Amino acid sequence: MKKDIHPKTYEVSARCVCGNTLKIISAEQKVDVHVCSACHPFYTGTEKFIDTAGRIEKFQKRYAKVEKKADKGKSNDK
């Protein structure tokens, strides 16, 4: 293997938004995560929406427009 081509690694504490900390080895000296195994819905069994940049509202607005068009189409068919 070639020497001096791999990044230097550090043992750091990764901090989650929920307050959980994990000891990991990383090339970064500071690691912040948004979701960890302590708060991720898959591991906890709870449903939790993580909305970044209003994506849920955007979807709901588009879905509402589609429903309105579908309702208009049904009323015109009579």
C-alpha atoms as a PDB file:
ATOM      1  CA  MET A   1       0.000   0.000   0.000  1.00  0.00           C
ATOM      2  CA  LYS A   2       1.101   3.558  -0.613  1.00  0.00           C
ATOM      3  CA  LYS A   3       2.161   5.582   2.396  1.00  0.00           C
ATOM      4  CA  ASP A   4       0.664   8.921   3.435  1.00  0.00           C
ATOM      5  CA  ILE A   5      -2.403   8.773   1.169  1.00  0.00           C
ATOM      6  CA  HIS A   6      -4.998   8.003   3.859  1.00  0.00           C
ATOM      7  CA  PRO A   7      -6.583  10.810   5.873  1.00  0.00           C
ATOM      8  CA  LYS A   8      -5.782  11.127   9.550  1.00  0.00           C
ATOM      9  CA  THR A   9      -8.531   9.658  11.736  1.00  0.00           C
ATOM     10  CA  TYR A  10      -9.743  10.916  15.098  1.00  0.00           C
ATOM     11  CA  GLU A  11     -11.802   9.364  17.879  1.00  0.00           C
ATOM     12  CA  VAL A  12     -14.634  11.867  18.317  1.00  0.00           C
ATOM     13  CA  SER A  13     -17.995  12.181  20.031  1.00  0.00           C
ATOM     14  CA  ALA A  14     -20.790  12.465  17.480  1.00  0.00           C
ATOM     15  CA  ARG A  15     -23.655  14.539  18.887  1.00  0.00           C
ATOM     16  CA  CYS A  16     -27.252  14.140  17.801  1.00  0.00           C
ATOM     17  CA  VAL A  17     -29.945  16.806  17.916  1.00  0.00           C
ATOM     18  CA  CYS A  18     -31.783  14.741  20.553  1.00  0.00           C
ATOM     19  CA  GLY A  19     -28.772  14.987  22.885  1.00  0.00           C
ATOM     20  CA  ASN A  20     -27.374  11.493  22.388  1.00  0.00           C
ATOM     21  CA  THR A  21     -23.595  11.167  21.978  1.00  0.00           C
ATOM     22  CA  LEU A  22     -21.722   8.349  20.284  1.00  0.00           C
ATOM     23  CA  LYS A  23     -17.995   7.560  20.244  1.00  0.00           C
ATOM     24  CA  ILE A  24     -16.892   7.045  16.627  1.00  0.00           C
ATOM     25  CA  ILE A  25     -13.751   7.191  14.515  1.00  0.00           C
ATOM     26  CA  SER A  26     -13.895   9.823  11.789  1.00  0.00           C
ATOM     27  CA  ALA A  27     -11.716  11.896   9.489  1.00  0.00           C
ATOM     28  CA  GLU A  28     -13.561  14.968  10.825  1.00  0.00           C
ATOM     29  CA  GLN A  29     -12.728  16.375  14.258  1.00  0.00           C
ATOM     30  CA  LYS A  30     -16.331  17.370  15.017  1.00  0.00           C
ATOM     31  CA  VAL A  31     -19.446  15.444  13.952  1.00  0.00           C
ATOM     32  CA  ASP A  32     -23.058  16.595  14.424  1.00  0.00           C
ATOM     33  CA  VAL A  33     -25.916  14.419  13.184  1.00  0.00           C
ATOM     34  CA  HIS A  34     -29.636  15.118  12.803  1.00  0.00           C
ATOM     35  CA  VAL A  35     -30.944  11.601  13.485  1.00  0.00           C
ATOM     36  CA  CYS A  36     -29.309   8.800  15.476  1.00  0.00           C
ATOM     37  CA  SER A  37     -30.346   5.271  16.445  1.00  0.00           C
ATOM     38  CA  ALA A  38     -31.857   6.601  19.704  1.00  0.00           C
ATOM     39  CA  CYS A  39     -34.325   8.920  17.934  1.00  0.00           C
ATOM     40  CA  HIS A  40     -34.732   7.364  14.444  1.00  0.00           C
ATOM     41  CA  PRO A  41     -38.330   6.181  13.853  1.00  0.00           C
ATOM     42  CA  PHE A  42     -37.180   2.844  12.409  1.00  0.00           C
ATOM     43  CA  TYR A  43     -35.399   1.908  15.629  1.00  0.00           C
ATOM     44  CA  THR A  44     -37.803   3.496  18.124  1.00  0.00           C
ATOM     45  CA  GLY A  45     -41.049   2.383  16.478  1.00  0.00           C
ATOM     46  CA  THR A  46     -42.559   5.869  16.677  1.00  0.00           C
ATOM     47  CA  GLU A  47     -43.692   7.907  13.708  1.00  0.00           C
ATOM     48  CA  LYS A  48     -41.883  11.209  13.482  1.00  0.00           C
ATOM     49  CA  PHE A  49     -41.703  13.528  10.511  1.00  0.00           C
ATOM     50  CA  ILE A  50     -38.429  15.301   9.921  1.00  0.00           C
ATOM     51  CA  ASP A  51     -39.374  18.242   7.752  1.00  0.00           C
ATOM     52  CA  THR A  52     -36.532  19.992   5.988  1.00  0.00           C
ATOM     53  CA  ALA A  53     -37.285  23.041   3.894  1.00  0.00           C
ATOM     54  CA  GLY A  54     -41.071  22.581   4.123  1.00  0.00           C
ATOM     55  CA  ARG A  55     -41.203  19.464   1.944  1.00  0.00           C
ATOM     56  CA  ILE A  56     -44.279  18.078   3.690  1.00  0.00           C
ATOM     57  CA  GLU A  57     -46.244  21.305   3.154  1.00  0.00           C
ATOM     58  CA  LYS A  58     -45.172  21.431  -0.493  1.00  0.00           C
ATOM     59  CA  PHE A  59     -46.420  17.873  -0.994  1.00  0.00           C
ATOM     60  CA  GLN A  60     -49.711  18.610   0.761  1.00  0.00           C
ATOM     61  CA  LYS A  61     -50.297  21.687  -1.428  1.00  0.00           C
ATOM     62  CA  ARG A  62     -49.641  19.721  -4.617  1.00  0.00           C
ATOM     63  CA  TYR A  63     -51.858  16.864  -3.423  1.00  0.00           C
ATOM     64  CA  ALA A  64     -54.670  19.304  -2.609  1.00  0.00           C
ATOM     65  CA  LYS A  65     -54.500  20.722  -6.157  1.00  0.00           C
ATOM     66  CA  VAL A  66     -54.727  17.213  -7.619  1.00  0.00           C
ATOM     67  CA  GLU A  67     -57.755  16.421  -5.439  1.00  0.00           C
ATOM     68  CA  LYS A  68     -59.498  19.643  -6.530  1.00  0.00           C
ATOM     69  CA  LYS A  69     -58.958  18.776 -10.194  1.00  0.00           C
ATOM     70  CA  ALA A  70     -60.281  15.260  -9.587  1.00  0.00           C
ATOM     71  CA  ASP A  71     -63.372  16.655  -7.824  1.00  0.00           C
ATOM     72  CA  LYS A  72     -64.057  19.077 -10.700  1.00  0.00           C
ATOM     73  CA  GLY A  73     -63.741  16.264 -13.207  1.00  0.00           C
ATOM     74  CA  LYS A  74     -66.266  14.150 -11.306  1.00  0.00           C
ATOM     75  CA  SER A  75     -68.831  16.972 -11.063  1.00  0.00           C
ATOM     76  CA  ASN A  76     -68.567  17.707 -14.814  1.00  0.00           C
ATOM     77  CA  ASP A  77     -69.210  14.054 -15.745  1.00  0.00           C
ATOM     78  CA  LYS A  78     -72.783  14.125 -14.413  1.00  0.00           C
END
